[in-house]
PDB file of N, CA and C in Angstrom:
ATOM      1  N   MET A   1      72.152  23.789  60.052  1.00  0.00           N
ATOM      2  CA  MET A   1      72.250  23.906  58.609  1.00  0.00           C
ATOM      3  C   MET A   1      72.099  22.466  58.025  1.00  0.00           C
ATOM      4  N   ARG A   2      71.333  22.481  56.876  1.00  0.00           N
ATOM      5  CA  ARG A   2      71.075  21.196  56.225  1.00  0.00           C
ATOM      6  C   ARG A   2      72.292  20.707  55.419  1.00  0.00           C
ATOM      7  N   LYS A   3      72.374  19.406  55.495  1.00  0.00           N
ATOM      8  CA  LYS A   3      73.319  18.722  54.585  1.00  0.00           C
ATOM      9  C   LYS A   3      72.630  18.010  53.542  1.00  0.00           C
ATOM     10  N   ILE A   4      73.000  18.217  52.304  1.00  0.00           N
ATOM     11  CA  ILE A   4      72.328  17.571  51.024  1.00  0.00           C
ATOM     12  C   ILE A   4      73.409  16.852  50.391  1.00  0.00           C
ATOM     13  N   ASP A   5      73.130  15.517  50.191  1.00  0.00           N
ATOM     14  CA  ASP A   5      74.140  14.716  49.410  1.00  0.00           C
ATOM     15  C   ASP A   5      73.378  13.573  48.694  1.00  0.00           C
ATOM     16  N   PHE A   6      74.120  12.639  48.079  1.00  0.00           N
ATOM     17  CA  PHE A   6      73.482  11.571  47.425  1.00  0.00           C
ATOM     18  C   PHE A   6      74.009  10.188  47.950  1.00  0.00           C
ATOM     19  N   GLU A   7      73.097   9.176  47.961  1.00  0.00           N
ATOM     20  CA  GLU A   7      73.411   7.846  48.215  1.00  0.00           C
ATOM     21  C   GLU A   7      73.700   7.176  46.909  1.00  0.00           C
ATOM     22  N   TYR A   8      74.910   6.732  46.653  1.00  0.00           N
ATOM     23  CA  TYR A   8      75.177   6.100  45.329  1.00  0.00           C
ATOM     24  C   TYR A   8      74.775   4.642  45.244  1.00  0.00           C
ATOM     25  N   SER A   9      74.420   4.293  43.934  1.00  0.00           N
ATOM     26  CA  SER A   9      74.065   2.901  43.804  1.00  0.00           C
ATOM     27  C   SER A   9      75.318   2.062  43.584  1.00  0.00           C
ATOM     28  N   THR A  10      75.408   0.813  44.218  1.00  0.00           N
ATOM     29  CA  THR A  10      76.578   0.045  44.110  1.00  0.00           C
ATOM     30  C   THR A  10      76.817  -0.523  42.795  1.00  0.00           C
ATOM     31  N   GLN A  11      75.630  -0.619  41.935  1.00  0.00           N
ATOM     32  CA  GLN A  11      75.784  -1.284  40.631  1.00  0.00           C
ATOM     33  C   GLN A  11      76.392  -0.331  39.568  1.00  0.00           C
ATOM     34  N   SER A  12      75.801   0.913  39.525  1.00  0.00           N
ATOM     35  CA  SER A  12      76.155   1.812  38.355  1.00  0.00           C
ATOM     36  C   SER A  12      76.910   3.004  38.747  1.00  0.00           C
ATOM     37  N   GLY A  13      77.109   3.293  40.103  1.00  0.00           N
ATOM     38  CA  GLY A  13      77.783   4.467  40.567  1.00  0.00           C
ATOM     39  C   GLY A  13      77.030   5.816  40.277  1.00  0.00           C
ATOM     40  N   VAL A  14      75.843   5.654  39.976  1.00  0.00           N
ATOM     41  CA  VAL A  14      75.041   6.953  39.770  1.00  0.00           C
ATOM     42  C   VAL A  14      74.115   7.185  41.089  1.00  0.00           C
ATOM     43  N   PRO A  15      73.653   8.296  41.262  1.00  0.00           N
ATOM     44  CA  PRO A  15      72.967   8.560  42.538  1.00  0.00           C
ATOM     45  C   PRO A  15      71.625   7.710  42.538  1.00  0.00           C
ATOM     46  N   ALA A  16      71.427   7.087  43.671  1.00  0.00           N
ATOM     47  CA  ALA A  16      70.259   6.248  43.920  1.00  0.00           C
ATOM     48  C   ALA A  16      69.172   6.896  44.760  1.00  0.00           C
ATOM     49  N   ALA A  17      69.599   7.831  45.638  1.00  0.00           N
ATOM     50  CA  ALA A  17      68.667   8.483  46.439  1.00  0.00           C
ATOM     51  C   ALA A  17      69.254   9.871  46.839  1.00  0.00           C
ATOM     52  N   LEU A  18      68.391  10.802  47.008  1.00  0.00           N
ATOM     53  CA  LEU A  18      68.752  12.131  47.439  1.00  0.00           C
ATOM     54  C   LEU A  18      68.701  12.027  48.990  1.00  0.00           C
ATOM     55  N   ARG A  19      69.689  12.535  49.730  1.00  0.00           N
ATOM     56  CA  ARG A  19      69.679  12.501  51.151  1.00  0.00           C
ATOM     57  C   ARG A  19      69.755  13.947  51.711  1.00  0.00           C
ATOM     58  N   ILE A  20      68.814  14.264  52.578  1.00  0.00           N
ATOM     59  CA  ILE A  20      68.831  15.493  53.391  1.00  0.00           C
ATOM     60  C   ILE A  20      69.149  15.171  54.872  1.00  0.00           C
ATOM     61  N   ASN A  21      70.216  15.731  55.324  1.00  0.00           N
ATOM     62  CA  ASN A  21      70.674  15.429  56.714  1.00  0.00           C
ATOM     63  C   ASN A  21      70.789  13.906  57.000  1.00  0.00           C
ATOM     64  N   SER A  22      71.424  13.228  56.034  1.00  0.00           N
ATOM     65  CA  SER A  22      71.833  11.835  55.874  1.00  0.00           C
ATOM     66  C   SER A  22      70.633  10.950  55.871  1.00  0.00           C
ATOM     67  N   LEU A  23      69.310  11.462  55.635  1.00  0.00           N
ATOM     68  CA  LEU A  23      68.218  10.587  55.530  1.00  0.00           C
ATOM     69  C   LEU A  23      67.713  10.539  54.082  1.00  0.00           C
ATOM     70  N   PRO A  24      67.538   9.432  53.504  1.00  0.00           N
ATOM     71  CA  PRO A  24      67.120   9.414  52.096  1.00  0.00           C
ATOM     72  C   PRO A  24      65.721   9.984  51.970  1.00  0.00           C
ATOM     73  N   ARG A  25      65.471  10.757  50.827  1.00  0.00           N
ATOM     74  CA  ARG A  25      64.212  11.400  50.521  1.00  0.00           C
ATOM     75  C   ARG A  25      63.878  10.986  49.122  1.00  0.00           C
ATOM     76  N   TYR A  26      62.676  10.411  48.952  1.00  0.00           N
ATOM     77  CA  TYR A  26      62.221  10.078  47.689  1.00  0.00           C
ATOM     78  C   TYR A  26      61.114  10.937  47.182  1.00  0.00           C
ATOM     79  N   LEU A  27      61.348  11.500  45.952  1.00  0.00           N
ATOM     80  CA  LEU A  27      60.381  12.502  45.430  1.00  0.00           C
ATOM     81  C   LEU A  27      59.570  11.645  44.500  1.00  0.00           C
ATOM     82  N   ARG A  28      58.183  12.004  44.731  1.00  0.00           N
ATOM     83  CA  ARG A  28      57.197  11.509  43.932  1.00  0.00           C
ATOM     84  C   ARG A  28      56.323  12.564  43.367  1.00  0.00           C
ATOM     85  N   GLY A  29      56.468  12.883  42.198  1.00  0.00           N
ATOM     86  CA  GLY A  29      55.844  14.177  41.575  1.00  0.00           C
ATOM     87  C   GLY A  29      55.107  13.905  40.269  1.00  0.00           C
ATOM     88  N   ALA A  30      54.492  14.915  39.839  1.00  0.00           N
ATOM     89  CA  ALA A  30      53.857  15.010  38.582  1.00  0.00           C
ATOM     90  C   ALA A  30      53.788  16.370  37.910  1.00  0.00           C
ATOM     91  N   LEU A  31      53.750  16.364  36.652  1.00  0.00           N
ATOM     92  CA  LEU A  31      53.787  17.574  35.945  1.00  0.00           C
ATOM     93  C   LEU A  31      52.304  18.173  36.071  1.00  0.00           C
ATOM     94  N   HIS A  32      52.106  19.463  36.645  1.00  0.00           N
ATOM     95  CA  HIS A  32      50.809  19.940  36.846  1.00  0.00           C
ATOM     96  C   HIS A  32      50.375  20.822  35.742  1.00  0.00           C
ATOM     97  N   GLN A  33      49.370  20.316  34.901  1.00  0.00           N
ATOM     98  CA  GLN A  33      48.911  21.072  33.768  1.00  0.00           C
ATOM     99  C   GLN A  33      47.441  20.971  33.899  1.00  0.00           C
ATOM    100  N   SER A  34      46.712  21.564  34.801  1.00  0.00           N
ATOM    101  CA  SER A  34      45.314  21.424  34.948  1.00  0.00           C
ATOM    102  C   SER A  34      44.567  22.225  33.953  1.00  0.00           C
ATOM    103  N   TYR A  35      43.332  21.814  33.729  1.00  0.00           N
ATOM    104  CA  TYR A  35      42.489  22.453  32.754  1.00  0.00           C
ATOM    105  C   TYR A  35      41.267  22.937  33.669  1.00  0.00           C
ATOM    106  N   TYR A  36      41.018  24.186  33.637  1.00  0.00           N
ATOM    107  CA  TYR A  36      39.793  24.717  34.483  1.00  0.00           C
ATOM    108  C   TYR A  36      38.774  25.253  33.505  1.00  0.00           C
ATOM    109  N   PRO A  37      37.611  24.589  33.514  1.00  0.00           N
ATOM    110  CA  PRO A  37      36.482  24.893  32.674  1.00  0.00           C
ATOM    111  C   PRO A  37      36.153  26.447  32.731  1.00  0.00           C
ATOM    112  N   ASP A  38      36.225  27.015  33.844  1.00  0.00           N
ATOM    113  CA  ASP A  38      35.819  28.406  33.990  1.00  0.00           C
ATOM    114  C   ASP A  38      36.888  29.454  33.376  1.00  0.00           C
ATOM    115  N   GLY A  39      38.186  28.978  33.418  1.00  0.00           N
ATOM    116  CA  GLY A  39      39.210  29.913  33.052  1.00  0.00           C
ATOM    117  C   GLY A  39      40.216  29.327  32.093  1.00  0.00           C
ATOM    118  N   VAL A  40      40.046  28.143  31.561  1.00  0.00           N
ATOM    119  CA  VAL A  40      40.886  27.372  30.679  1.00  0.00           C
ATOM    120  C   VAL A  40      42.213  27.005  31.350  1.00  0.00           C
ATOM    121  N   TYR A  41      43.156  28.022  31.426  1.00  0.00           N
ATOM    122  CA  TYR A  41      44.537  27.828  32.067  1.00  0.00           C
ATOM    123  C   TYR A  41      44.637  28.521  33.376  1.00  0.00           C
ATOM    124  N   THR A  42      43.622  29.284  33.809  1.00  0.00           N
ATOM    125  CA  THR A  42      43.620  30.039  35.101  1.00  0.00           C
ATOM    126  C   THR A  42      42.552  29.415  35.978  1.00  0.00           C
ATOM    127  N   ALA A  43      42.920  29.153  37.260  1.00  0.00           N
ATOM    128  CA  ALA A  43      41.905  28.728  38.160  1.00  0.00           C
ATOM    129  C   ALA A  43      40.983  29.726  38.480  1.00  0.00           C
ATOM    130  N   SER A  44      39.635  29.364  38.768  1.00  0.00           N
ATOM    131  CA  SER A  44      38.677  30.402  38.990  1.00  0.00           C
ATOM    132  C   SER A  44      38.825  31.041  40.489  1.00  0.00           C
ATOM    133  N   SER A  45      39.525  30.240  41.365  1.00  0.00           N
ATOM    134  CA  SER A  45      39.672  30.799  42.728  1.00  0.00           C
ATOM    135  C   SER A  45      40.839  30.170  43.441  1.00  0.00           C
ATOM    136  N   VAL A  46      41.213  30.630  44.494  1.00  0.00           N
ATOM    137  CA  VAL A  46      42.284  30.078  45.302  1.00  0.00           C
ATOM    138  C   VAL A  46      41.974  28.738  45.853  1.00  0.00           C
ATOM    139  N   GLU A  47      40.621  28.617  46.175  1.00  0.00           N
ATOM    140  CA  GLU A  47      40.132  27.409  46.686  1.00  0.00           C
ATOM    141  C   GLU A  47      40.331  26.166  45.663  1.00  0.00           C
ATOM    142  N   VAL A  48      40.198  26.407  44.438  1.00  0.00           N
ATOM    143  CA  VAL A  48      40.388  25.338  43.463  1.00  0.00           C
ATOM    144  C   VAL A  48      41.823  24.935  43.372  1.00  0.00           C
ATOM    145  N   ILE A  49      42.701  25.905  43.565  1.00  0.00           N
ATOM    146  CA  ILE A  49      44.262  25.501  43.617  1.00  0.00           C
ATOM    147  C   ILE A  49      44.499  24.772  44.866  1.00  0.00           C
ATOM    148  N   LYS A  50      43.925  25.129  46.017  1.00  0.00           N
ATOM    149  CA  LYS A  50      44.051  24.469  47.294  1.00  0.00           C
ATOM    150  C   LYS A  50      43.611  22.987  47.125  1.00  0.00           C
ATOM    151  N   ASN A  51      42.471  22.814  46.482  1.00  0.00           N
ATOM    152  CA  ASN A  51      41.934  21.487  46.260  1.00  0.00           C
ATOM    153  C   ASN A  51      42.854  20.623  45.405  1.00  0.00           C
ATOM    154  N   ASP A  52      43.497  21.253  44.382  1.00  0.00           N
ATOM    155  CA  ASP A  52      44.475  20.560  43.571  1.00  0.00           C
ATOM    156  C   ASP A  52      45.625  20.008  44.385  1.00  0.00           C
ATOM    157  N   ILE A  53      46.042  20.793  45.248  1.00  0.00           N
ATOM    158  CA  ILE A  53      47.220  20.468  46.166  1.00  0.00           C
ATOM    159  C   ILE A  53      46.872  19.366  47.131  1.00  0.00           C
ATOM    160  N   ALA A  54      45.632  19.439  47.657  1.00  0.00           N
ATOM    161  CA  ALA A  54      45.089  18.507  48.667  1.00  0.00           C
ATOM    162  C   ALA A  54      45.046  17.168  47.917  1.00  0.00           C
ATOM    163  N   TYR A  55      44.465  17.165  46.729  1.00  0.00           N
ATOM    164  CA  TYR A  55      44.351  15.825  46.086  1.00  0.00           C
ATOM    165  C   TYR A  55      45.751  15.273  45.721  1.00  0.00           C
ATOM    166  N   ALA A  56      46.677  16.071  45.389  1.00  0.00           N
ATOM    167  CA  ALA A  56      48.047  15.574  45.132  1.00  0.00           C
ATOM    168  C   ALA A  56      48.633  14.941  46.273  1.00  0.00           C
ATOM    169  N   LYS A  57      48.482  15.596  47.483  1.00  0.00           N
ATOM    170  CA  LYS A  57      49.010  15.053  48.775  1.00  0.00           C
ATOM    171  C   LYS A  57      48.301  13.690  49.123  1.00  0.00           C
ATOM    172  N   LYS A  58      46.957  13.755  48.900  1.00  0.00           N
ATOM    173  CA  LYS A  58      46.178  12.511  49.164  1.00  0.00           C
ATOM    174  C   LYS A  58      46.653  11.355  48.415  1.00  0.00           C
ATOM    175  N   PHE A  59      47.052  11.627  47.136  1.00  0.00           N
ATOM    176  CA  PHE A  59      47.573  10.453  46.268  1.00  0.00           C
ATOM    177  C   PHE A  59      49.117  10.198  46.517  1.00  0.00           C
ATOM    178  N   GLY A  60      49.704  10.869  47.390  1.00  0.00           N
ATOM    179  CA  GLY A  60      51.091  10.620  47.777  1.00  0.00           C
ATOM    180  C   GLY A  60      52.180  11.314  47.030  1.00  0.00           C
ATOM    181  N   PHE A  61      51.830  12.323  46.293  1.00  0.00           N
ATOM    182  CA  PHE A  61      52.795  13.201  45.660  1.00  0.00           C
ATOM    183  C   PHE A  61      53.387  14.239  46.620  1.00  0.00           C
ATOM    184  N   ASN A  62      54.657  14.383  46.522  1.00  0.00           N
ATOM    185  CA  ASN A  62      55.322  15.336  47.412  1.00  0.00           C
ATOM    186  C   ASN A  62      56.184  16.350  46.546  1.00  0.00           C
ATOM    187  N   LEU A  63      55.955  16.382  45.370  1.00  0.00           N
ATOM    188  CA  LEU A  63      56.686  17.266  44.388  1.00  0.00           C
ATOM    189  C   LEU A  63      55.678  17.710  43.327  1.00  0.00           C
ATOM    190  N   SER A  64      55.587  18.913  42.957  1.00  0.00           N
ATOM    191  CA  SER A  64      54.788  19.276  41.863  1.00  0.00           C
ATOM    192  C   SER A  64      55.532  20.316  40.894  1.00  0.00           C
ATOM    193  N   ALA A  65      55.454  20.007  39.693  1.00  0.00           N
ATOM    194  CA  ALA A  65      56.077  20.768  38.656  1.00  0.00           C
ATOM    195  C   ALA A  65      55.127  21.563  37.865  1.00  0.00           C
ATOM    196  N   HIS A  66      55.228  22.901  37.955  1.00  0.00           N
ATOM    197  CA  HIS A  66      54.305  23.761  37.254  1.00  0.00           C
ATOM    198  C   HIS A  66      55.007  24.416  36.037  1.00  0.00           C
ATOM    199  N   PRO A  67      54.634  24.111  34.837  1.00  0.00           N
ATOM    200  CA  PRO A  67      55.315  24.786  33.752  1.00  0.00           C
ATOM    201  C   PRO A  67      55.050  26.324  33.694  1.00  0.00           C
ATOM    202  N   HIS A  68      55.972  27.177  33.441  1.00  0.00           N
ATOM    203  CA  HIS A  68      55.858  28.606  33.326  1.00  0.00           C
ATOM    204  C   HIS A  68      55.758  29.009  31.926  1.00  0.00           C
ATOM    205  N   GLN A  69      54.709  29.853  31.555  1.00  0.00           N
ATOM    206  CA  GLN A  69      54.581  30.327  30.268  1.00  0.00           C
ATOM    207  C   GLN A  69      54.669  31.855  30.252  1.00  0.00           C
ATOM    208  N   ASP A  70      55.546  32.381  29.602  1.00  0.00           N
ATOM    209  CA  ASP A  70      55.533  33.828  29.411  1.00  0.00           C
ATOM    210  C   ASP A  70      54.622  34.167  28.297  1.00  0.00           C
ATOM    211  N   ARG A  71      53.844  35.369  28.570  1.00  0.00           N
ATOM    212  CA  ARG A  71      52.932  35.730  27.490  1.00  0.00           C
ATOM    213  C   ARG A  71      53.250  37.165  27.059  1.00  0.00           C
TER     214      ARG A  71
END
């Protein structure tokens, strides 16, 4: 079972790092709002989405936030 807790900052008492199984994990992410010329807000294929994910990993991101829109 995973143990999730926080490492607290000694200066302010706020969480400084998320820890999973007692190891600090640092999240580096971006808001994903791609524009696709073929479909404006919809990717033209699964390969396009896979390429987006590959580029994010290449640049060191390990978190992606995708805004959800109800229509």
